[in-house]
Amino acid sequence: MSISRRLARWGSARAVRRLSRSVPFAGAIIAASLLGSSIRRKGWVRGAADTVLDATPFVGALKLGLETLRGRDLLPDK
């Protein structure tokens, strides 16, 4: 394998590793941007709780899986 290929492989692996660390923060930013609509649909307490659960990295994924299996929201609308 040539040196340029090794450098390209090393660089891409490093970039993937760096991007994978930022994915949980991207999910939190998306959840925070949807806070207003969640509060309008669910009310102040349920909307805030729903956003906090969605913004937490592994808890949000677990909540999404549960809601997918159940076919409805974990915290229902008003």
N, C-alpha and C. Protein backbone atom coordinates (compact mmCIF):
# COMPACT_ATOMS: atom_id res chain seq x y z
N MET A 1 0.85 -1.16 0.00
CA MET A 1 0.00 0.00 0.00
C MET A 1 0.90 1.24 0.00
N SER A 2 0.57 2.21 -0.82
CA SER A 2 1.41 3.40 -0.94
C SER A 2 1.19 4.33 0.26
N ILE A 3 2.11 5.23 0.43
CA ILE A 3 2.05 6.14 1.57
C ILE A 3 0.83 7.06 1.46
N SER A 4 0.53 7.52 0.27
CA SER A 4 -0.63 8.41 0.11
C SER A 4 -1.93 7.69 0.45
N ARG A 5 -2.02 6.42 0.11
CA ARG A 5 -3.21 5.65 0.46
C ARG A 5 -3.33 5.45 1.96
N ARG A 6 -2.21 5.19 2.61
CA ARG A 6 -2.22 5.04 4.07
C ARG A 6 -2.64 6.34 4.75
N LEU A 7 -2.11 7.45 4.26
CA LEU A 7 -2.48 8.74 4.84
C LEU A 7 -3.96 9.04 4.63
N ALA A 8 -4.47 8.72 3.46
CA ALA A 8 -5.89 8.95 3.19
C ALA A 8 -6.75 8.07 4.08
N ARG A 9 -6.35 6.84 4.27
CA ARG A 9 -7.10 5.93 5.13
C ARG A 9 -7.07 6.40 6.59
N TRP A 10 -5.89 6.82 7.04
CA TRP A 10 -5.74 7.32 8.40
C TRP A 10 -6.58 8.58 8.60
N GLY A 11 -6.57 9.48 7.63
CA GLY A 11 -7.33 10.72 7.73
C GLY A 11 -8.83 10.48 7.75
N SER A 12 -9.30 9.56 6.92
CA SER A 12 -10.73 9.28 6.90
C SER A 12 -11.16 8.59 8.19
N ALA A 13 -10.35 7.70 8.73
CA ALA A 13 -10.69 7.06 9.99
C ALA A 13 -10.74 8.07 11.12
N ARG A 14 -9.82 9.01 11.10
CA ARG A 14 -9.82 10.05 12.14
C ARG A 14 -11.04 10.95 12.01
N ALA A 15 -11.41 11.30 10.79
CA ALA A 15 -12.59 12.15 10.58
C ALA A 15 -13.87 11.45 11.02
N VAL A 16 -14.00 10.16 10.72
CA VAL A 16 -15.18 9.40 11.14
C VAL A 16 -15.25 9.34 12.65
N ARG A 17 -14.13 9.11 13.30
CA ARG A 17 -14.09 9.04 14.76
C ARG A 17 -14.51 10.38 15.37
N ARG A 18 -14.03 11.47 14.79
CA ARG A 18 -14.36 12.79 15.31
C ARG A 18 -15.85 13.11 15.09
N LEU A 19 -16.39 12.76 13.94
CA LEU A 19 -17.80 13.01 13.67
C LEU A 19 -18.70 12.15 14.55
N SER A 20 -18.30 10.92 14.83
CA SER A 20 -19.13 10.05 15.66
C SER A 20 -19.23 10.57 17.09
N ARG A 21 -18.24 11.31 17.53
CA ARG A 21 -18.32 11.91 18.87
C ARG A 21 -19.27 13.08 18.91
N SER A 22 -19.50 13.74 17.80
CA SER A 22 -20.36 14.92 17.79
C SER A 22 -21.82 14.58 17.53
N VAL A 23 -22.15 13.36 17.19
CA VAL A 23 -23.53 12.98 16.88
C VAL A 23 -24.47 13.20 18.06
N PRO A 24 -24.13 12.83 19.30
CA PRO A 24 -25.06 13.09 20.40
C PRO A 24 -25.37 14.58 20.58
N PHE A 25 -24.40 15.44 20.35
CA PHE A 25 -24.64 16.87 20.48
C PHE A 25 -25.57 17.37 19.39
N ALA A 26 -25.48 16.81 18.21
CA ALA A 26 -26.37 17.20 17.12
C ALA A 26 -27.82 16.84 17.47
N GLY A 27 -28.01 15.68 18.06
CA GLY A 27 -29.36 15.27 18.49
C GLY A 27 -29.92 16.20 19.55
N ALA A 28 -29.08 16.64 20.47
CA ALA A 28 -29.52 17.56 21.51
C ALA A 28 -29.89 18.91 20.91
N ILE A 29 -29.16 19.35 19.92
CA ILE A 29 -29.47 20.63 19.27
C ILE A 29 -30.81 20.54 18.54
N ILE A 30 -31.06 19.43 17.86
CA ILE A 30 -32.33 19.25 17.16
C ILE A 30 -33.49 19.20 18.15
N ALA A 31 -33.31 18.47 19.26
CA ALA A 31 -34.37 18.38 20.27
C ALA A 31 -34.65 19.75 20.89
N ALA A 32 -33.61 20.53 21.14
CA ALA A 32 -33.80 21.86 21.72
C ALA A 32 -34.50 22.80 20.74
N SER A 33 -34.25 22.63 19.45
CA SER A 33 -34.92 23.48 18.47
C SER A 33 -36.41 23.16 18.36
N LEU A 34 -36.79 21.97 18.74
CA LEU A 34 -38.21 21.57 18.68
C LEU A 34 -38.93 21.74 20.02
N LEU A 35 -38.29 22.41 20.98
CA LEU A 35 -38.86 22.60 22.31
C LEU A 35 -40.18 23.35 22.25
N GLY A 36 -40.26 24.42 21.49
CA GLY A 36 -41.48 25.22 21.43
C GLY A 36 -42.68 24.45 20.91
N SER A 37 -42.49 23.70 19.85
CA SER A 37 -43.62 22.94 19.30
C SER A 37 -44.04 21.81 20.23
N SER A 38 -43.07 21.24 20.92
CA SER A 38 -43.39 20.18 21.88
C SER A 38 -44.20 20.73 23.06
N ILE A 39 -43.85 21.91 23.53
CA ILE A 39 -44.59 22.53 24.64
C ILE A 39 -46.00 22.92 24.19
N ARG A 40 -46.14 23.40 22.96
CA ARG A 40 -47.47 23.75 22.46
C ARG A 40 -48.37 22.51 22.35
N ARG A 41 -47.81 21.40 21.93
CA ARG A 41 -48.61 20.19 21.74
C ARG A 41 -48.91 19.46 23.05
N LYS A 42 -47.94 19.44 23.96
CA LYS A 42 -48.05 18.59 25.14
C LYS A 42 -48.28 19.35 26.44
N GLY A 43 -48.13 20.65 26.43
CA GLY A 43 -48.21 21.42 27.66
C GLY A 43 -46.80 21.66 28.20
N TRP A 44 -46.71 22.53 29.21
CA TRP A 44 -45.41 22.95 29.71
C TRP A 44 -44.59 21.80 30.29
N VAL A 45 -45.15 21.04 31.22
CA VAL A 45 -44.39 19.99 31.93
C VAL A 45 -44.08 18.81 31.00
N ARG A 46 -45.10 18.31 30.31
CA ARG A 46 -44.88 17.16 29.43
C ARG A 46 -43.97 17.52 28.25
N GLY A 47 -44.13 18.71 27.70
CA GLY A 47 -43.30 19.14 26.58
C GLY A 47 -41.84 19.28 26.98
N ALA A 48 -41.60 19.87 28.16
CA ALA A 48 -40.23 20.01 28.65
C ALA A 48 -39.62 18.64 28.96
N ALA A 49 -40.41 17.76 29.59
CA ALA A 49 -39.91 16.42 29.90
C ALA A 49 -39.61 15.64 28.63
N ASP A 50 -40.47 15.76 27.63
CA ASP A 50 -40.25 15.08 26.36
C ASP A 50 -38.97 15.56 25.69
N THR A 51 -38.73 16.87 25.71
CA THR A 51 -37.53 17.43 25.11
C THR A 51 -36.28 17.01 25.86
N VAL A 52 -36.33 17.00 27.18
CA VAL A 52 -35.17 16.57 27.97
C VAL A 52 -34.84 15.11 27.69
N LEU A 53 -35.85 14.27 27.61
CA LEU A 53 -35.61 12.85 27.31
C LEU A 53 -35.03 12.68 25.91
N ASP A 54 -35.54 13.44 24.95
CA ASP A 54 -35.03 13.35 23.58
C ASP A 54 -33.60 13.88 23.46
N ALA A 55 -33.26 14.88 24.25
CA ALA A 55 -31.93 15.49 24.16
C ALA A 55 -30.85 14.66 24.83
N THR A 56 -31.21 13.78 25.74
CA THR A 56 -30.24 12.94 26.41
C THR A 56 -29.83 11.82 25.46
N PRO A 57 -28.51 11.64 25.21
CA PRO A 57 -28.06 10.77 24.12
C PRO A 57 -28.63 9.35 24.10
N PHE A 58 -28.42 8.54 25.07
CA PHE A 58 -28.87 7.15 24.98
C PHE A 58 -30.33 6.98 25.40
N VAL A 59 -30.79 7.84 26.29
CA VAL A 59 -32.18 7.80 26.73
C VAL A 59 -33.11 8.18 25.58
N GLY A 60 -32.71 9.16 24.79
CA GLY A 60 -33.52 9.56 23.65
C GLY A 60 -33.67 8.45 22.62
N ALA A 61 -32.60 7.71 22.39
CA ALA A 61 -32.68 6.58 21.44
C ALA A 61 -33.57 5.48 22.00
N LEU A 62 -33.48 5.22 23.29
CA LEU A 62 -34.34 4.22 23.93
C LEU A 62 -35.80 4.64 23.87
N LYS A 63 -36.06 5.92 24.12
CA LYS A 63 -37.43 6.44 24.05
C LYS A 63 -37.99 6.33 22.63
N LEU A 64 -37.17 6.63 21.65
CA LEU A 64 -37.60 6.51 20.25
C LEU A 64 -37.94 5.06 19.91
N GLY A 65 -37.13 4.13 20.37
CA GLY A 65 -37.41 2.72 20.13
C GLY A 65 -38.70 2.27 20.79
N LEU A 66 -38.93 2.71 22.03
CA LEU A 66 -40.17 2.37 22.73
C LEU A 66 -41.38 2.93 22.02
N GLU A 67 -41.28 4.19 21.58
CA GLU A 67 -42.40 4.80 20.88
C GLU A 67 -42.66 4.12 19.54
N THR A 68 -41.63 3.65 18.89
CA THR A 68 -41.80 2.94 17.63
C THR A 68 -42.50 1.61 17.84
N LEU A 69 -42.10 0.90 18.87
CA LEU A 69 -42.74 -0.40 19.17
C LEU A 69 -44.19 -0.23 19.59
N ARG A 70 -44.46 0.78 20.42
CA ARG A 70 -45.83 1.00 20.91
C ARG A 70 -46.72 1.62 19.84
N GLY A 71 -46.15 2.40 18.96
CA GLY A 71 -46.93 3.06 17.93
C GLY A 71 -47.57 4.36 18.39
N ARG A 72 -47.16 4.88 19.54
CA ARG A 72 -47.68 6.15 20.05
C ARG A 72 -46.65 6.78 20.97
N ASP A 73 -46.90 8.04 21.34
CA ASP A 73 -45.96 8.77 22.18
C ASP A 73 -45.93 8.22 23.60
N LEU A 74 -44.76 8.30 24.20
CA LEU A 74 -44.60 7.91 25.60
C LEU A 74 -45.30 8.92 26.50
N LEU A 75 -45.17 10.19 26.17
CA LEU A 75 -45.86 11.28 26.87
C LEU A 75 -46.92 11.84 25.92
N PRO A 76 -48.20 11.51 26.12
CA PRO A 76 -49.23 11.88 25.13
C PRO A 76 -49.48 13.38 25.07
N ASP A 77 -50.07 13.83 23.95
CA ASP A 77 -50.45 15.22 23.77
C ASP A 77 -51.60 15.57 24.68
N LYS A 78 -51.89 16.90 24.77
CA LYS A 78 -52.99 17.36 25.60
C LYS A 78 -54.31 16.84 25.09
